PDB file of N, CA and C in Angstrom:
ATOM      1  N   MET A   1     -23.427 -14.034  20.162  1.00  0.00           N
ATOM      2  CA  MET A   1     -22.589 -12.778  19.427  1.00  0.00           C
ATOM      3  C   MET A   1     -21.546 -13.460  18.528  1.00  0.00           C
ATOM      4  N   VAL A   2     -21.243 -12.796  17.329  1.00  0.00           N
ATOM      5  CA  VAL A   2     -20.349 -13.469  16.378  1.00  0.00           C
ATOM      6  C   VAL A   2     -19.141 -13.376  16.759  1.00  0.00           C
ATOM      7  N   PHE A   3     -18.747 -12.821  17.837  1.00  0.00           N
ATOM      8  CA  PHE A   3     -17.509 -12.351  18.228  1.00  0.00           C
ATOM      9  C   PHE A   3     -17.125 -13.372  19.506  1.00  0.00           C
ATOM     10  N   GLU A   4     -18.068 -13.974  20.022  1.00  0.00           N
ATOM     11  CA  GLU A   4     -17.847 -14.648  21.409  1.00  0.00           C
ATOM     12  C   GLU A   4     -16.575 -15.329  21.521  1.00  0.00           C
ATOM     13  N   SER A   5     -16.409 -16.209  20.468  1.00  0.00           N
ATOM     14  CA  SER A   5     -15.115 -17.112  20.562  1.00  0.00           C
ATOM     15  C   SER A   5     -13.832 -16.289  20.656  1.00  0.00           C
ATOM     16  N   PHE A   6     -13.707 -15.191  19.688  1.00  0.00           N
ATOM     17  CA  PHE A   6     -12.651 -14.257  19.967  1.00  0.00           C
ATOM     18  C   PHE A   6     -12.507 -13.611  21.100  1.00  0.00           C
ATOM     19  N   LEU A   7     -13.603 -13.126  21.744  1.00  0.00           N
ATOM     20  CA  LEU A   7     -13.549 -12.272  22.955  1.00  0.00           C
ATOM     21  C   LEU A   7     -13.080 -13.137  24.225  1.00  0.00           C
ATOM     22  N   ASN A   8     -13.536 -14.620  23.873  1.00  0.00           N
ATOM     23  CA  ASN A   8     -13.275 -15.539  25.131  1.00  0.00           C
ATOM     24  C   ASN A   8     -11.696 -15.985  25.245  1.00  0.00           C
ATOM     25  N   ASP A   9     -11.047 -15.777  24.039  1.00  0.00           N
ATOM     26  CA  ASP A   9      -9.530 -15.712  24.002  1.00  0.00           C
ATOM     27  C   ASP A   9      -8.795 -14.653  24.648  1.00  0.00           C
ATOM     28  N   LEU A  10      -9.245 -13.500  25.143  1.00  0.00           N
ATOM     29  CA  LEU A  10      -8.779 -12.552  25.356  1.00  0.00           C
ATOM     30  C   LEU A  10      -8.898 -12.608  26.940  1.00  0.00           C
ATOM     31  N   PRO A  11      -7.906 -11.559  27.662  1.00  0.00           N
ATOM     32  CA  PRO A  11      -7.934 -11.538  29.174  1.00  0.00           C
ATOM     33  C   PRO A  11      -8.991 -10.451  29.447  1.00  0.00           C
ATOM     34  N   PRO A  12      -9.756 -11.021  30.613  1.00  0.00           N
ATOM     35  CA  PRO A  12     -11.138 -10.424  31.019  1.00  0.00           C
ATOM     36  C   PRO A  12     -11.245  -8.817  30.587  1.00  0.00           C
ATOM     37  N   GLU A  13     -10.091  -7.955  30.928  1.00  0.00           N
ATOM     38  CA  GLU A  13     -10.321  -6.705  31.001  1.00  0.00           C
ATOM     39  C   GLU A  13     -10.608  -6.124  29.389  1.00  0.00           C
ATOM     40  N   GLN A  14      -9.537  -6.981  28.770  1.00  0.00           N
ATOM     41  CA  GLN A  14      -9.274  -6.606  27.467  1.00  0.00           C
ATOM     42  C   GLN A  14     -10.790  -6.966  26.541  1.00  0.00           C
ATOM     43  N   SER A  15     -11.267  -8.133  26.808  1.00  0.00           N
ATOM     44  CA  SER A  15     -12.322  -8.694  26.378  1.00  0.00           C
ATOM     45  C   SER A  15     -13.585  -7.476  26.755  1.00  0.00           C
ATOM     46  N   LYS A  16     -13.719  -7.245  27.994  1.00  0.00           N
ATOM     47  CA  LYS A  16     -14.890  -6.374  28.333  1.00  0.00           C
ATOM     48  C   LYS A  16     -14.398  -5.022  27.447  1.00  0.00           C
ATOM     49  N   ARG A  17     -13.502  -4.595  27.197  1.00  0.00           N
ATOM     50  CA  ARG A  17     -13.129  -3.186  26.556  1.00  0.00           C
ATOM     51  C   ARG A  17     -13.632  -3.349  24.935  1.00  0.00           C
ATOM     52  N   LEU A  18     -13.226  -4.465  24.426  1.00  0.00           N
ATOM     53  CA  LEU A  18     -13.672  -4.643  23.095  1.00  0.00           C
ATOM     54  C   LEU A  18     -15.243  -4.991  22.939  1.00  0.00           C
ATOM     55  N   SER A  19     -15.671  -5.796  23.803  1.00  0.00           N
ATOM     56  CA  SER A  19     -17.111  -6.066  23.919  1.00  0.00           C
ATOM     57  C   SER A  19     -17.822  -4.376  23.855  1.00  0.00           C
ATOM     58  N   GLU A  20     -17.526  -3.674  24.529  1.00  0.00           N
ATOM     59  CA  GLU A  20     -17.797  -2.368  24.660  1.00  0.00           C
ATOM     60  C   GLU A  20     -18.050  -1.521  23.783  1.00  0.00           C
ATOM     61  N   VAL A  21     -16.692  -1.791  22.623  1.00  0.00           N
ATOM     62  CA  VAL A  21     -16.865  -1.183  21.136  1.00  0.00           C
ATOM     63  C   VAL A  21     -17.827  -1.828  20.347  1.00  0.00           C
ATOM     64  N   PHE A  22     -17.478  -3.038  20.558  1.00  0.00           N
ATOM     65  CA  PHE A  22     -18.278  -4.050  19.545  1.00  0.00           C
ATOM     66  C   PHE A  22     -19.855  -3.610  19.882  1.00  0.00           C
ATOM     67  N   ASN A  23     -20.188  -3.552  20.900  1.00  0.00           N
ATOM     68  CA  ASN A  23     -21.916  -3.289  21.453  1.00  0.00           C
ATOM     69  C   ASN A  23     -22.168  -1.801  20.735  1.00  0.00           C
ATOM     70  N   TRP A  24     -21.231  -0.864  21.084  1.00  0.00           N
ATOM     71  CA  TRP A  24     -21.717   0.232  20.574  1.00  0.00           C
ATOM     72  C   TRP A  24     -21.821   0.388  19.073  1.00  0.00           C
ATOM     73  N   ILE A  25     -20.781  -0.420  18.264  1.00  0.00           N
ATOM     74  CA  ILE A  25     -20.940  -0.413  16.840  1.00  0.00           C
ATOM     75  C   ILE A  25     -22.409  -0.939  16.685  1.00  0.00           C
ATOM     76  N   GLU A  26     -22.580  -2.027  17.206  1.00  0.00           N
ATOM     77  CA  GLU A  26     -23.950  -2.557  16.824  1.00  0.00           C
ATOM     78  C   GLU A  26     -25.061  -1.904  16.963  1.00  0.00           C
ATOM     79  N   ASN A  27     -25.007  -1.091  18.078  1.00  0.00           N
ATOM     80  CA  ASN A  27     -26.070  -0.288  18.530  1.00  0.00           C
ATOM     81  C   ASN A  27     -26.266   1.003  17.652  1.00  0.00           C
ATOM     82  N   ASN A  28     -25.142   1.554  17.092  1.00  0.00           N
ATOM     83  CA  ASN A  28     -25.188   2.868  16.579  1.00  0.00           C
ATOM     84  C   ASN A  28     -25.256   2.575  14.943  1.00  0.00           C
ATOM     85  N   TYR A  29     -24.838   1.214  14.527  1.00  0.00           N
ATOM     86  CA  TYR A  29     -24.791   0.974  13.266  1.00  0.00           C
ATOM     87  C   TYR A  29     -25.369  -0.380  12.976  1.00  0.00           C
ATOM     88  N   PRO A  30     -26.547  -0.651  13.112  1.00  0.00           N
ATOM     89  CA  PRO A  30     -27.406  -1.924  12.948  1.00  0.00           C
ATOM     90  C   PRO A  30     -27.203  -2.666  11.562  1.00  0.00           C
ATOM     91  N   GLU A  31     -27.112  -1.712  10.707  1.00  0.00           N
ATOM     92  CA  GLU A  31     -26.948  -2.066   9.230  1.00  0.00           C
ATOM     93  C   GLU A  31     -25.331  -2.808   8.941  1.00  0.00           C
ATOM     94  N   LEU A  32     -24.545  -2.648   9.792  1.00  0.00           N
ATOM     95  CA  LEU A  32     -23.262  -3.561   9.577  1.00  0.00           C
ATOM     96  C   LEU A  32     -23.600  -4.663  10.005  1.00  0.00           C
ATOM     97  N   ASP A  33     -22.753  -5.663   9.063  1.00  0.00           N
ATOM     98  CA  ASP A  33     -22.539  -7.263   9.457  1.00  0.00           C
ATOM     99  C   ASP A  33     -21.359  -7.385   9.956  1.00  0.00           C
ATOM    100  N   PRO A  34     -21.405  -8.280  11.340  1.00  0.00           N
ATOM    101  CA  PRO A  34     -20.300  -8.437  12.005  1.00  0.00           C
ATOM    102  C   PRO A  34     -19.654  -9.757  11.560  1.00  0.00           C
ATOM    103  N   VAL A  35     -18.475  -9.877  11.157  1.00  0.00           N
ATOM    104  CA  VAL A  35     -17.773 -11.211  10.599  1.00  0.00           C
ATOM    105  C   VAL A  35     -16.402 -11.487  11.370  1.00  0.00           C
ATOM    106  N   VAL A  36     -15.864 -12.636  11.252  1.00  0.00           N
ATOM    107  CA  VAL A  36     -14.630 -12.733  11.520  1.00  0.00           C
ATOM    108  C   VAL A  36     -14.053 -13.195  10.120  1.00  0.00           C
ATOM    109  N   LYS A  37     -12.941 -12.941   9.540  1.00  0.00           N
ATOM    110  CA  LYS A  37     -12.247 -13.132   8.277  1.00  0.00           C
ATOM    111  C   LYS A  37     -10.609 -13.019   8.996  1.00  0.00           C
ATOM    112  N   TRP A  38     -10.199 -13.917   8.308  1.00  0.00           N
ATOM    113  CA  TRP A  38      -8.384 -13.952   8.805  1.00  0.00           C
ATOM    114  C   TRP A  38      -8.298 -13.843  10.255  1.00  0.00           C
ATOM    115  N   ASN A  39      -9.297 -14.539  11.030  1.00  0.00           N
ATOM    116  CA  ASN A  39      -9.028 -14.654  12.266  1.00  0.00           C
ATOM    117  C   ASN A  39      -9.061 -13.483  13.113  1.00  0.00           C
ATOM    118  N   GLN A  40      -9.839 -12.378  12.463  1.00  0.00           N
ATOM    119  CA  GLN A  40      -9.806 -10.881  13.216  1.00  0.00           C
ATOM    120  C   GLN A  40     -11.493 -10.599  12.989  1.00  0.00           C
ATOM    121  N   PRO A  41     -12.174 -10.055  14.063  1.00  0.00           N
ATOM    122  CA  PRO A  41     -13.194  -9.281  14.009  1.00  0.00           C
ATOM    123  C   PRO A  41     -13.359  -8.287  13.102  1.00  0.00           C
ATOM    124  N   MET A  42     -14.619  -8.045  12.222  1.00  0.00           N
ATOM    125  CA  MET A  42     -14.722  -6.907  11.469  1.00  0.00           C
ATOM    126  C   MET A  42     -16.108  -6.737  11.215  1.00  0.00           C
ATOM    127  N   TYR A  43     -16.232  -5.560  10.500  1.00  0.00           N
ATOM    128  CA  TYR A  43     -17.694  -5.065   9.960  1.00  0.00           C
ATOM    129  C   TYR A  43     -17.545  -5.013   8.809  1.00  0.00           C
ATOM    130  N   GLN A  44     -18.670  -5.399   8.065  1.00  0.00           N
ATOM    131  CA  GLN A  44     -18.884  -5.149   6.640  1.00  0.00           C
ATOM    132  C   GLN A  44     -20.376  -4.744   6.293  1.00  0.00           C
ATOM    133  N   HIS A  45     -20.611  -4.167   4.946  1.00  0.00           N
ATOM    134  CA  HIS A  45     -22.044  -3.391   4.679  1.00  0.00           C
ATOM    135  C   HIS A  45     -22.015  -3.768   3.351  1.00  0.00           C
ATOM    136  N   HIS A  46     -22.980  -4.568   2.880  1.00  0.00           N
ATOM    137  CA  HIS A  46     -23.257  -4.980   1.488  1.00  0.00           C
ATOM    138  C   HIS A  46     -21.780  -5.741   1.040  1.00  0.00           C
ATOM    139  N   GLY A  47     -21.502  -6.416   1.769  1.00  0.00           N
ATOM    140  CA  GLY A  47     -20.309  -7.447   1.525  1.00  0.00           C
ATOM    141  C   GLY A  47     -19.157  -6.717   1.434  1.00  0.00           C
ATOM    142  N   THR A  48     -18.947  -5.391   1.683  1.00  0.00           N
ATOM    143  CA  THR A  48     -17.724  -4.578   1.750  1.00  0.00           C
ATOM    144  C   THR A  48     -17.013  -4.283   2.994  1.00  0.00           C
ATOM    145  N   PHE A  49     -15.853  -4.266   3.232  1.00  0.00           N
ATOM    146  CA  PHE A  49     -15.250  -4.031   4.483  1.00  0.00           C
ATOM    147  C   PHE A  49     -15.449  -2.586   5.186  1.00  0.00           C
ATOM    148  N   ILE A  50     -15.673  -2.469   6.003  1.00  0.00           N
ATOM    149  CA  ILE A  50     -16.035  -1.204   7.007  1.00  0.00           C
ATOM    150  C   ILE A  50     -14.784  -0.825   7.794  1.00  0.00           C
ATOM    151  N   ILE A  51     -14.673  -1.891   8.846  1.00  0.00           N
ATOM    152  CA  ILE A  51     -13.621  -1.515  10.071  1.00  0.00           C
ATOM    153  C   ILE A  51     -13.331  -2.795  10.403  1.00  0.00           C
ATOM    154  N   GLY A  52     -12.039  -3.065  10.841  1.00  0.00           N
ATOM    155  CA  GLY A  52     -11.624  -4.214  11.469  1.00  0.00           C
ATOM    156  C   GLY A  52     -10.963  -4.085  12.992  1.00  0.00           C
ATOM    157  N   PHE A  53     -10.653  -5.279  13.834  1.00  0.00           N
ATOM    158  CA  PHE A  53     -10.152  -4.947  14.962  1.00  0.00           C
ATOM    159  C   PHE A  53      -9.334  -6.156  15.211  1.00  0.00           C
ATOM    160  N   SER A  54      -8.089  -5.867  15.972  1.00  0.00           N
ATOM    161  CA  SER A  54      -7.108  -6.969  16.219  1.00  0.00           C
ATOM    162  C   SER A  54      -6.589  -6.440  17.788  1.00  0.00           C
ATOM    163  N   PHE A  55      -5.685  -7.127  18.459  1.00  0.00           N
ATOM    164  CA  PHE A  55      -5.278  -6.967  19.688  1.00  0.00           C
ATOM    165  C   PHE A  55      -3.817  -7.198  20.070  1.00  0.00           C
ATOM    166  N   ALA A  56      -3.186  -6.662  20.845  1.00  0.00           N
ATOM    167  CA  ALA A  56      -1.925  -6.782  21.369  1.00  0.00           C
ATOM    168  C   ALA A  56      -2.163  -6.473  22.786  1.00  0.00           C
ATOM    169  N   LYS A  57      -0.934  -7.022  23.358  1.00  0.00           N
ATOM    170  CA  LYS A  57      -0.585  -7.023  24.842  1.00  0.00           C
ATOM    171  C   LYS A  57      -1.214  -5.604  25.506  1.00  0.00           C
ATOM    172  N   LYS A  58      -0.542  -4.451  24.801  1.00  0.00           N
ATOM    173  CA  LYS A  58      -0.699  -3.380  25.290  1.00  0.00           C
ATOM    174  C   LYS A  58      -1.869  -2.541  24.600  1.00  0.00           C
ATOM    175  N   HIS A  59      -2.237  -2.769  23.704  1.00  0.00           N
ATOM    176  CA  HIS A  59      -3.432  -2.004  22.731  1.00  0.00           C
ATOM    177  C   HIS A  59      -4.728  -2.890  21.868  1.00  0.00           C
ATOM    178  N   MET A  60      -5.638  -2.156  21.730  1.00  0.00           N
ATOM    179  CA  MET A  60      -6.357  -2.784  20.308  1.00  0.00           C
ATOM    180  C   MET A  60      -6.160  -1.890  19.153  1.00  0.00           C
ATOM    181  N   ALA A  61      -5.852  -2.652  17.995  1.00  0.00           N
ATOM    182  CA  ALA A  61      -5.705  -2.035  16.814  1.00  0.00           C
ATOM    183  C   ALA A  61      -7.126  -1.759  15.869  1.00  0.00           C
ATOM    184  N   ILE A  62      -7.136  -0.823  15.405  1.00  0.00           N
ATOM    185  CA  ILE A  62      -8.420  -0.635  14.612  1.00  0.00           C
ATOM    186  C   ILE A  62      -7.891  -0.155  13.191  1.00  0.00           C
ATOM    187  N   ALA A  63      -8.484  -0.850  12.246  1.00  0.00           N
ATOM    188  CA  ALA A  63      -8.178  -1.068  10.812  1.00  0.00           C
ATOM    189  C   ALA A  63      -9.120  -0.492   9.856  1.00  0.00           C
ATOM    190  N   PRO A  64      -9.385   0.864   9.361  1.00  0.00           N
ATOM    191  CA  PRO A  64     -10.429   1.135   8.772  1.00  0.00           C
ATOM    192  C   PRO A  64     -10.196   1.111   7.306  1.00  0.00           C
ATOM    193  N   GLU A  65      -8.968   0.775   6.797  1.00  0.00           N
ATOM    194  CA  GLU A  65      -8.380   0.717   5.474  1.00  0.00           C
ATOM    195  C   GLU A  65      -7.614   1.970   5.326  1.00  0.00           C
ATOM    196  N   LYS A  66      -6.489   1.746   4.671  1.00  0.00           N
ATOM    197  CA  LYS A  66      -5.712   2.881   4.376  1.00  0.00           C
ATOM    198  C   LYS A  66      -5.951   4.072   3.811  1.00  0.00           C
ATOM    199  N   GLU A  67      -6.977   4.136   2.812  1.00  0.00           N
ATOM    200  CA  GLU A  67      -7.600   5.216   2.065  1.00  0.00           C
ATOM    201  C   GLU A  67      -8.117   6.101   3.529  1.00  0.00           C
ATOM    202  N   THR A  68      -8.837   5.505   4.311  1.00  0.00           N
ATOM    203  CA  THR A  68      -9.689   6.211   5.656  1.00  0.00           C
ATOM    204  C   THR A  68      -8.467   6.518   6.509  1.00  0.00           C
ATOM    205  N   LEU A  69      -7.634   5.936   6.718  1.00  0.00           N
ATOM    206  CA  LEU A  69      -6.267   6.328   7.770  1.00  0.00           C
ATOM    207  C   LEU A  69      -5.722   7.547   7.046  1.00  0.00           C
ATOM    208  N   VAL A  70      -5.463   7.623   5.710  1.00  0.00           N
ATOM    209  CA  VAL A  70      -5.239   8.949   5.305  1.00  0.00           C
ATOM    210  C   VAL A  70      -5.852  10.168   5.521  1.00  0.00           C
ATOM    211  N   GLN A  71      -7.555   9.826   5.104  1.00  0.00           N
ATOM    212  CA  GLN A  71      -8.273  11.219   4.969  1.00  0.00           C
ATOM    213  C   GLN A  71      -8.325  11.334   6.585  1.00  0.00           C
ATOM    214  N   PHE A  72      -7.986  10.752   7.666  1.00  0.00           N
ATOM    215  CA  PHE A  72      -8.319  10.937   8.941  1.00  0.00           C
ATOM    216  C   PHE A  72      -6.997  10.866   9.857  1.00  0.00           C
ATOM    217  N   LYS A  73      -6.013  11.160   9.198  1.00  0.00           N
ATOM    218  CA  LYS A  73      -4.601  11.023   9.814  1.00  0.00           C
ATOM    219  C   LYS A  73      -4.337  12.476  10.993  1.00  0.00           C
ATOM    220  N   ASP A  74      -5.005  13.317  10.524  1.00  0.00           N
ATOM    221  CA  ASP A  74      -4.731  14.583  11.509  1.00  0.00           C
ATOM    222  C   ASP A  74      -5.671  14.248  12.825  1.00  0.00           C
ATOM    223  N   GLN A  75      -6.883  13.926  12.570  1.00  0.00           N
ATOM    224  CA  GLN A  75      -8.026  13.613  13.768  1.00  0.00           C
ATOM    225  C   GLN A  75      -7.306  12.646  14.548  1.00  0.00           C
ATOM    226  N   ILE A  76      -6.734  11.350  14.049  1.00  0.00           N
ATOM    227  CA  ILE A  76      -6.348  10.167  14.746  1.00  0.00           C
ATOM    228  C   ILE A  76      -5.199  10.712  15.602  1.00  0.00           C
ATOM    229  N   GLY A  77      -4.262  11.500  14.958  1.00  0.00           N
ATOM    230  CA  GLY A  77      -3.190  12.105  15.681  1.00  0.00           C
ATOM    231  C   GLY A  77      -3.514  12.884  17.162  1.00  0.00           C
ATOM    232  N   ALA A  78      -4.489  13.556  16.664  1.00  0.00           N
ATOM    233  CA  ALA A  78      -5.120  14.553  17.674  1.00  0.00           C
ATOM    234  C   ALA A  78      -5.831  13.929  18.943  1.00  0.00           C
ATOM    235  N   ALA A  79      -6.043  13.047  18.586  1.00  0.00           N
ATOM    236  CA  ALA A  79      -7.148  12.192  19.699  1.00  0.00           C
ATOM    237  C   ALA A  79      -5.733  11.594  20.253  1.00  0.00           C
ATOM    238  N   GLY A  80      -4.623  11.254  20.270  1.00  0.00           N
ATOM    239  CA  GLY A  80      -3.630  10.877  20.601  1.00  0.00           C
ATOM    240  C   GLY A  80      -3.121   9.418  20.427  1.00  0.00           C
ATOM    241  N   TYR A  81      -3.619   8.735  19.308  1.00  0.00           N
ATOM    242  CA  TYR A  81      -3.591   7.347  18.990  1.00  0.00           C
ATOM    243  C   TYR A  81      -2.062   7.288  17.982  1.00  0.00           C
ATOM    244  N   SER A  82      -1.625   6.458  18.049  1.00  0.00           N
ATOM    245  CA  SER A  82      -0.265   6.031  17.379  1.00  0.00           C
ATOM    246  C   SER A  82      -0.729   5.182  16.152  1.00  0.00           C
ATOM    247  N   GLN A  83      -0.490   5.575  15.049  1.00  0.00           N
ATOM    248  CA  GLN A  83      -0.795   4.994  13.753  1.00  0.00           C
ATOM    249  C   GLN A  83       0.273   4.479  12.958  1.00  0.00           C
ATOM    250  N   THR A  84      -0.117   3.853  12.024  1.00  0.00           N
ATOM    251  CA  THR A  84       0.862   3.109  10.857  1.00  0.00           C
ATOM    252  C   THR A  84      -0.078   3.149   9.510  1.00  0.00           C
ATOM    253  N   ALA A  85       0.577   2.884   8.498  1.00  0.00           N
ATOM    254  CA  ALA A  85      -0.041   3.009   7.078  1.00  0.00           C
ATOM    255  C   ALA A  85      -1.468   2.132   7.024  1.00  0.00           C
ATOM    256  N   MET A  86      -1.750   1.226   8.043  1.00  0.00           N
ATOM    257  CA  MET A  86      -2.845   0.259   7.869  1.00  0.00           C
ATOM    258  C   MET A  86      -3.682   0.377   9.002  1.00  0.00           C
ATOM    259  N   LEU A  87      -3.328   0.844  10.281  1.00  0.00           N
ATOM    260  CA  LEU A  87      -3.849   0.728  11.265  1.00  0.00           C
ATOM    261  C   LEU A  87      -3.871   1.988  12.489  1.00  0.00           C
ATOM    262  N   PHE A  88      -4.483   1.982  13.477  1.00  0.00           N
ATOM    263  CA  PHE A  88      -4.069   2.854  14.603  1.00  0.00           C
ATOM    264  C   PHE A  88      -4.321   2.140  15.953  1.00  0.00           C
ATOM    265  N   ARG A  89      -3.534   2.456  16.869  1.00  0.00           N
ATOM    266  CA  ARG A  89      -3.676   1.911  18.226  1.00  0.00           C
ATOM    267  C   ARG A  89      -4.496   2.619  19.453  1.00  0.00           C
ATOM    268  N   ILE A  90      -5.353   1.980  20.082  1.00  0.00           N
ATOM    269  CA  ILE A  90      -5.912   2.534  21.282  1.00  0.00           C
ATOM    270  C   ILE A  90      -5.346   1.668  22.382  1.00  0.00           C
ATOM    271  N   LYS A  91      -4.349   2.308  23.378  1.00  0.00           N
ATOM    272  CA  LYS A  91      -3.884   1.554  24.648  1.00  0.00           C
ATOM    273  C   LYS A  91      -5.080   1.315  25.509  1.00  0.00           C
ATOM    274  N   TRP A  92      -4.927  -0.001  25.922  1.00  0.00           N
ATOM    275  CA  TRP A  92      -6.189  -0.446  26.799  1.00  0.00           C
ATOM    276  C   TRP A  92      -6.738   0.549  27.906  1.00  0.00           C
ATOM    277  N   GLU A  93      -5.751   1.379  28.426  1.00  0.00           N
ATOM    278  CA  GLU A  93      -6.218   2.225  29.358  1.00  0.00           C
ATOM    279  C   GLU A  93      -6.629   3.721  29.022  1.00  0.00           C
ATOM    280  N   GLU A  94      -6.503   3.767  27.549  1.00  0.00           N
ATOM    281  CA  GLU A  94      -6.831   5.010  26.891  1.00  0.00           C
ATOM    282  C   GLU A  94      -8.515   5.028  26.804  1.00  0.00           C
ATOM    283  N   GLU A  95      -8.939   6.415  26.789  1.00  0.00           N
ATOM    284  CA  GLU A  95     -10.479   6.749  26.475  1.00  0.00           C
ATOM    285  C   GLU A  95     -10.545   6.251  24.731  1.00  0.00           C
ATOM    286  N   ILE A  96     -12.001   5.756  24.251  1.00  0.00           N
ATOM    287  CA  ILE A  96     -12.303   5.482  23.161  1.00  0.00           C
ATOM    288  C   ILE A  96     -12.738   6.988  22.660  1.00  0.00           C
ATOM    289  N   ASN A  97     -12.291   7.303  21.469  1.00  0.00           N
ATOM    290  CA  ASN A  97     -13.000   8.582  21.133  1.00  0.00           C
ATOM    291  C   ASN A  97     -14.046   8.120  20.025  1.00  0.00           C
ATOM    292  N   TYR A  98     -15.321   7.822  20.466  1.00  0.00           N
ATOM    293  CA  TYR A  98     -16.388   7.558  19.926  1.00  0.00           C
ATOM    294  C   TYR A  98     -16.776   8.391  18.807  1.00  0.00           C
ATOM    295  N   GLN A  99     -16.416   9.600  18.833  1.00  0.00           N
ATOM    296  CA  GLN A  99     -16.870  10.501  17.764  1.00  0.00           C
ATOM    297  C   GLN A  99     -16.030  10.131  16.457  1.00  0.00           C
ATOM    298  N   LEU A 100     -14.609  10.084  17.058  1.00  0.00           N
ATOM    299  CA  LEU A 100     -13.815   9.764  15.586  1.00  0.00           C
ATOM    300  C   LEU A 100     -14.068   8.373  15.041  1.00  0.00           C
ATOM    301  N   LEU A 101     -14.357   7.137  15.518  1.00  0.00           N
ATOM    302  CA  LEU A 101     -14.776   5.889  15.490  1.00  0.00           C
ATOM    303  C   LEU A 101     -16.105   5.994  14.242  1.00  0.00           C
ATOM    304  N   SER A 102     -16.888   6.815  14.943  1.00  0.00           N
ATOM    305  CA  SER A 102     -18.180   7.160  14.224  1.00  0.00           C
ATOM    306  C   SER A 102     -17.775   7.707  12.706  1.00  0.00           C
ATOM    307  N   SER A 103     -16.913   8.950  13.058  1.00  0.00           N
ATOM    308  CA  SER A 103     -16.659   9.660  11.708  1.00  0.00           C
ATOM    309  C   SER A 103     -15.785   8.694  10.700  1.00  0.00           C
ATOM    310  N   LEU A 104     -14.932   7.468  11.233  1.00  0.00           N
ATOM    311  CA  LEU A 104     -14.414   6.613  10.103  1.00  0.00           C
ATOM    312  C   LEU A 104     -15.519   5.630   9.470  1.00  0.00           C
ATOM    313  N   ILE A 105     -16.297   5.187  10.300  1.00  0.00           N
ATOM    314  CA  ILE A 105     -17.081   4.387   9.848  1.00  0.00           C
ATOM    315  C   ILE A 105     -18.216   5.060   8.784  1.00  0.00           C
ATOM    316  N   ASP A 106     -18.728   6.380   9.309  1.00  0.00           N
ATOM    317  CA  ASP A 106     -19.416   6.865   8.220  1.00  0.00           C
ATOM    318  C   ASP A 106     -18.991   7.147   6.942  1.00  0.00           C
ATOM    319  N   TYR A 107     -17.487   7.642   7.163  1.00  0.00           N
ATOM    320  CA  TYR A 107     -16.761   7.865   5.817  1.00  0.00           C
ATOM    321  C   TYR A 107     -16.714   6.507   4.961  1.00  0.00           C
ATOM    322  N   ASN A 108     -16.476   5.551   5.638  1.00  0.00           N
ATOM    323  CA  ASN A 108     -16.283   4.332   4.780  1.00  0.00           C
ATOM    324  C   ASN A 108     -17.682   3.675   4.315  1.00  0.00           C
ATOM    325  N   ILE A 109     -18.615   3.892   4.952  1.00  0.00           N
ATOM    326  CA  ILE A 109     -20.035   3.541   4.379  1.00  0.00           C
ATOM    327  C   ILE A 109     -20.513   4.053   3.210  1.00  0.00           C
ATOM    328  N   GLU A 110     -19.958   5.814   3.392  1.00  0.00           N
ATOM    329  CA  GLU A 110     -20.537   6.588   2.018  1.00  0.00           C
ATOM    330  C   GLU A 110     -19.418   6.309   1.083  1.00  0.00           C
ATOM    331  N   ASP A 111     -18.296   6.368   1.528  1.00  0.00           N
ATOM    332  CA  ASP A 111     -17.519   6.103   0.312  1.00  0.00           C
ATOM    333  C   ASP A 111     -17.513   4.816  -0.456  1.00  0.00           C
ATOM    334  N   LYS A 112     -17.825   3.958   0.415  1.00  0.00           N
ATOM    335  CA  LYS A 112     -17.919   2.560  -0.397  1.00  0.00           C
ATOM    336  C   LYS A 112     -19.507   1.905  -0.715  1.00  0.00           C
ATOM    337  N   LYS A 113     -20.253   3.049  -0.861  1.00  0.00           N
ATOM    338  CA  LYS A 113     -21.523   2.518  -0.821  1.00  0.00           C
ATOM    339  C   LYS A 113     -21.914   2.098  -2.493  1.00  0.00           C
ATOM    340  N   ASP A 114     -21.107   2.397  -3.198  1.00  0.00           N
ATOM    341  CA  ASP A 114     -21.158   1.732  -4.668  1.00  0.00           C
ATOM    342  C   ASP A 114     -20.055   0.422  -4.818  1.00  0.00           C
ATOM    343  N   CYS A 115     -19.170   0.217  -3.886  1.00  0.00           N
ATOM    344  CA  CYS A 115     -18.135  -0.893  -3.957  1.00  0.00           C
ATOM    345  C   CYS A 115     -18.773  -2.137  -4.122  1.00  0.00           C
ATOM    346  N   GLN A 116     -18.130  -2.948  -4.942  1.00  0.00           N
ATOM    347  CA  GLN A 116     -18.568  -4.121  -5.253  1.00  0.00           C
ATOM    348  C   GLN A 116     -17.673  -5.006  -4.657  1.00  0.00           C
ATOM    349  N   THR A 117     -16.505  -4.710  -4.207  1.00  0.00           N
ATOM    350  CA  THR A 117     -15.460  -5.504  -3.492  1.00  0.00           C
ATOM    351  C   THR A 117     -15.315  -5.523  -2.105  1.00  0.00           C
ATOM    352  N   PHE A 118     -14.571  -6.381  -1.442  1.00  0.00           N
ATOM    353  CA  PHE A 118     -14.710  -6.330  -0.166  1.00  0.00           C
ATOM    354  C   PHE A 118     -13.539  -5.522   0.273  1.00  0.00           C
ATOM    355  N   TRP A 119     -12.581  -5.213  -0.489  1.00  0.00           N
ATOM    356  CA  TRP A 119     -11.628  -4.022  -0.168  1.00  0.00           C
ATOM    357  C   TRP A 119     -11.569  -3.271  -1.190  1.00  0.00           C
ATOM    358  N   ARG A 120     -11.290  -1.780  -0.834  1.00  0.00           N
ATOM    359  CA  ARG A 120     -11.140  -0.905  -2.052  1.00  0.00           C
ATOM    360  C   ARG A 120     -10.086  -1.411  -3.182  1.00  0.00           C
ATOM    361  N   LYS A 121     -10.339  -0.939  -4.491  1.00  0.00           N
ATOM    362  CA  LYS A 121      -9.285  -1.270  -5.583  1.00  0.00           C
ATOM    363  C   LYS A 121      -8.477  -0.142  -5.616  1.00  0.00           C
TER     364      LYS A 121
END
């Protein structure tokens, strides 16, 4: 697994939780390429960024790019997740809203289908 060294650096419960998310993404979006950039696990499609992850003591952070966060601000809030301009947080003990995660990924794949750069311009 591409993210094995990243996951090995986490406490076991956090590693297990992120592994579940990564496995879900890889099972549902086999067209996405897992990569580590800037010391963070992320997924890309045809060389363009789709979604990235980081972690802190109390939560995992999910970064789908600012444009996507703006589009899904209300849904992220309705799911009960806190957010900033660049990411939203899921506490380790919170349920993961996979429908929301799927919507974010689907949006980025479609919106960036013709994107030739890693980040949106």
